[in-house]
Amino acid sequence: MRKLSVSHVRIVYKVDEYLREVRVYMLGARRDIWDHDQPEILERAQELANAITHEQKTAAAQPKPPKRAPKV
């Protein structure tokens, strides 16, 4: 995970380069986001990881469309 501090706000996020996504886990006051919200941040990260794994398994189980022959 990464963090970005902007003024008095901290943004906790993770970049998934493969999926080309930025997942934001938490926005909060810089001074206390980790002290008070770390368990919630980690719980959200685990829930998101589980959802992504489920989506990938579902997509892999679906039949793939037939390949087209190249145009000549």
C-alpha atoms as a PDB file:
ATOM      1  CA  MET A   1       0.000   0.000   0.000  1.00  0.00           C
ATOM      2  CA  ARG A   2       1.008   3.552  -0.525  1.00  0.00           C
ATOM      3  CA  LYS A   3       0.089   6.802   1.126  1.00  0.00           C
ATOM      4  CA  LEU A   4      -0.246  10.333  -0.143  1.00  0.00           C
ATOM      5  CA  SER A   5      -0.330  13.316   2.186  1.00  0.00           C
ATOM      6  CA  VAL A   6      -2.205  16.371   0.971  1.00  0.00           C
ATOM      7  CA  SER A   7      -2.436  19.222   3.452  1.00  0.00           C
ATOM      8  CA  HIS A   8      -3.898  17.628   6.596  1.00  0.00           C
ATOM      9  CA  VAL A   9      -5.389  14.616   4.761  1.00  0.00           C
ATOM     10  CA  ARG A  10      -3.774  11.250   4.136  1.00  0.00           C
ATOM     11  CA  ILE A  11      -4.941   8.950   1.334  1.00  0.00           C
ATOM     12  CA  VAL A  12      -4.124   5.249   1.667  1.00  0.00           C
ATOM     13  CA  TYR A  13      -4.168   3.487  -1.698  1.00  0.00           C
ATOM     14  CA  LYS A  14      -2.708   0.668  -3.760  1.00  0.00           C
ATOM     15  CA  VAL A  15      -1.867   0.689  -7.463  1.00  0.00           C
ATOM     16  CA  ASP A  16      -2.588  -2.473  -9.461  1.00  0.00           C
ATOM     17  CA  GLU A  17      -0.554  -2.006 -12.616  1.00  0.00           C
ATOM     18  CA  TYR A  18      -1.821  -5.231 -14.190  1.00  0.00           C
ATOM     19  CA  LEU A  19      -5.484  -4.194 -13.928  1.00  0.00           C
ATOM     20  CA  ARG A  20      -4.595  -0.512 -14.371  1.00  0.00           C
ATOM     21  CA  GLU A  21      -6.495   0.427 -11.235  1.00  0.00           C
ATOM     22  CA  VAL A  22      -5.918   2.548  -8.181  1.00  0.00           C
ATOM     23  CA  ARG A  23      -7.742   1.254  -5.124  1.00  0.00           C
ATOM     24  CA  VAL A  24      -8.385   3.816  -2.393  1.00  0.00           C
ATOM     25  CA  TYR A  25      -8.680   2.221   1.046  1.00  0.00           C
ATOM     26  CA  MET A  26      -9.011   5.177   3.358  1.00  0.00           C
ATOM     27  CA  LEU A  27      -9.102   8.964   3.527  1.00  0.00           C
ATOM     28  CA  GLY A  28      -8.495  10.589   6.860  1.00  0.00           C
ATOM     29  CA  ALA A  29      -6.674  13.073   9.033  1.00  0.00           C
ATOM     30  CA  ARG A  30      -2.896  12.651   8.708  1.00  0.00           C
ATOM     31  CA  ARG A  31      -2.239  12.755  12.401  1.00  0.00           C
ATOM     32  CA  ASP A  32      -4.325   9.715  13.325  1.00  0.00           C
ATOM     33  CA  ILE A  33      -5.328   7.637  10.312  1.00  0.00           C
ATOM     34  CA  TRP A  34      -2.843   4.839  11.046  1.00  0.00           C
ATOM     35  CA  ASP A  35      -3.321   4.851  14.807  1.00  0.00           C
ATOM     36  CA  HIS A  36      -7.106   4.659  14.702  1.00  0.00           C
ATOM     37  CA  ASP A  37      -7.969   3.169  11.321  1.00  0.00           C
ATOM     38  CA  GLN A  38      -5.243   0.628  10.526  1.00  0.00           C
ATOM     39  CA  PRO A  39      -7.388  -2.456  11.370  1.00  0.00           C
ATOM     40  CA  GLU A  40     -10.194  -1.166   9.127  1.00  0.00           C
ATOM     41  CA  ILE A  41      -7.761  -0.420   6.298  1.00  0.00           C
ATOM     42  CA  LEU A  42      -6.354  -3.947   6.458  1.00  0.00           C
ATOM     43  CA  GLU A  43      -9.857  -5.460   6.627  1.00  0.00           C
ATOM     44  CA  ARG A  44     -10.948  -3.518   3.540  1.00  0.00           C
ATOM     45  CA  ALA A  45      -7.807  -4.594   1.696  1.00  0.00           C
ATOM     46  CA  GLN A  46      -8.531  -8.259   2.472  1.00  0.00           C
ATOM     47  CA  GLU A  47     -12.179  -7.925   1.385  1.00  0.00           C
ATOM     48  CA  LEU A  48     -11.109  -6.341  -1.886  1.00  0.00           C
ATOM     49  CA  ALA A  49      -8.483  -9.015  -2.513  1.00  0.00           C
ATOM     50  CA  ASN A  50     -11.120 -11.715  -1.937  1.00  0.00           C
ATOM     51  CA  ALA A  51     -13.558 -10.007  -4.328  1.00  0.00           C
ATOM     52  CA  ILE A  52     -10.913  -9.709  -7.044  1.00  0.00           C
ATOM     53  CA  THR A  53      -9.963 -13.375  -6.659  1.00  0.00           C
ATOM     54  CA  HIS A  54     -13.626 -14.357  -6.972  1.00  0.00           C
ATOM     55  CA  GLU A  55     -14.038 -12.209 -10.118  1.00  0.00           C
ATOM     56  CA  GLN A  56     -10.941 -13.755 -11.693  1.00  0.00           C
ATOM     57  CA  LYS A  57     -12.166 -17.297 -10.963  1.00  0.00           C
ATOM     58  CA  THR A  58     -15.611 -16.481 -12.390  1.00  0.00           C
ATOM     59  CA  ALA A  59     -14.096 -14.976 -15.543  1.00  0.00           C
ATOM     60  CA  ALA A  60     -11.794 -17.982 -16.023  1.00  0.00           C
ATOM     61  CA  ALA A  61     -14.750 -20.380 -15.768  1.00  0.00           C
ATOM     62  CA  GLN A  62     -16.708 -18.648 -18.548  1.00  0.00           C
ATOM     63  CA  PRO A  63     -16.315 -20.037 -22.076  1.00  0.00           C
ATOM     64  CA  LYS A  64     -14.002 -18.064 -24.275  1.00  0.00           C
ATOM     65  CA  PRO A  65     -15.266 -16.792 -27.659  1.00  0.00           C
ATOM     66  CA  PRO A  66     -13.839 -18.612 -30.672  1.00  0.00           C
ATOM     67  CA  LYS A  67     -10.830 -17.033 -32.342  1.00  0.00           C
ATOM     68  CA  ARG A  68     -11.465 -15.407 -35.690  1.00  0.00           C
ATOM     69  CA  ALA A  69      -9.481 -16.356 -38.692  1.00  0.00           C
ATOM     70  CA  PRO A  70      -7.165 -13.560 -39.860  1.00  0.00           C
ATOM     71  CA  LYS A  71      -8.393 -11.435 -42.779  1.00  0.00           C
ATOM     72  CA  VAL A  72      -6.635 -12.143 -45.996  1.00  0.00           C
END
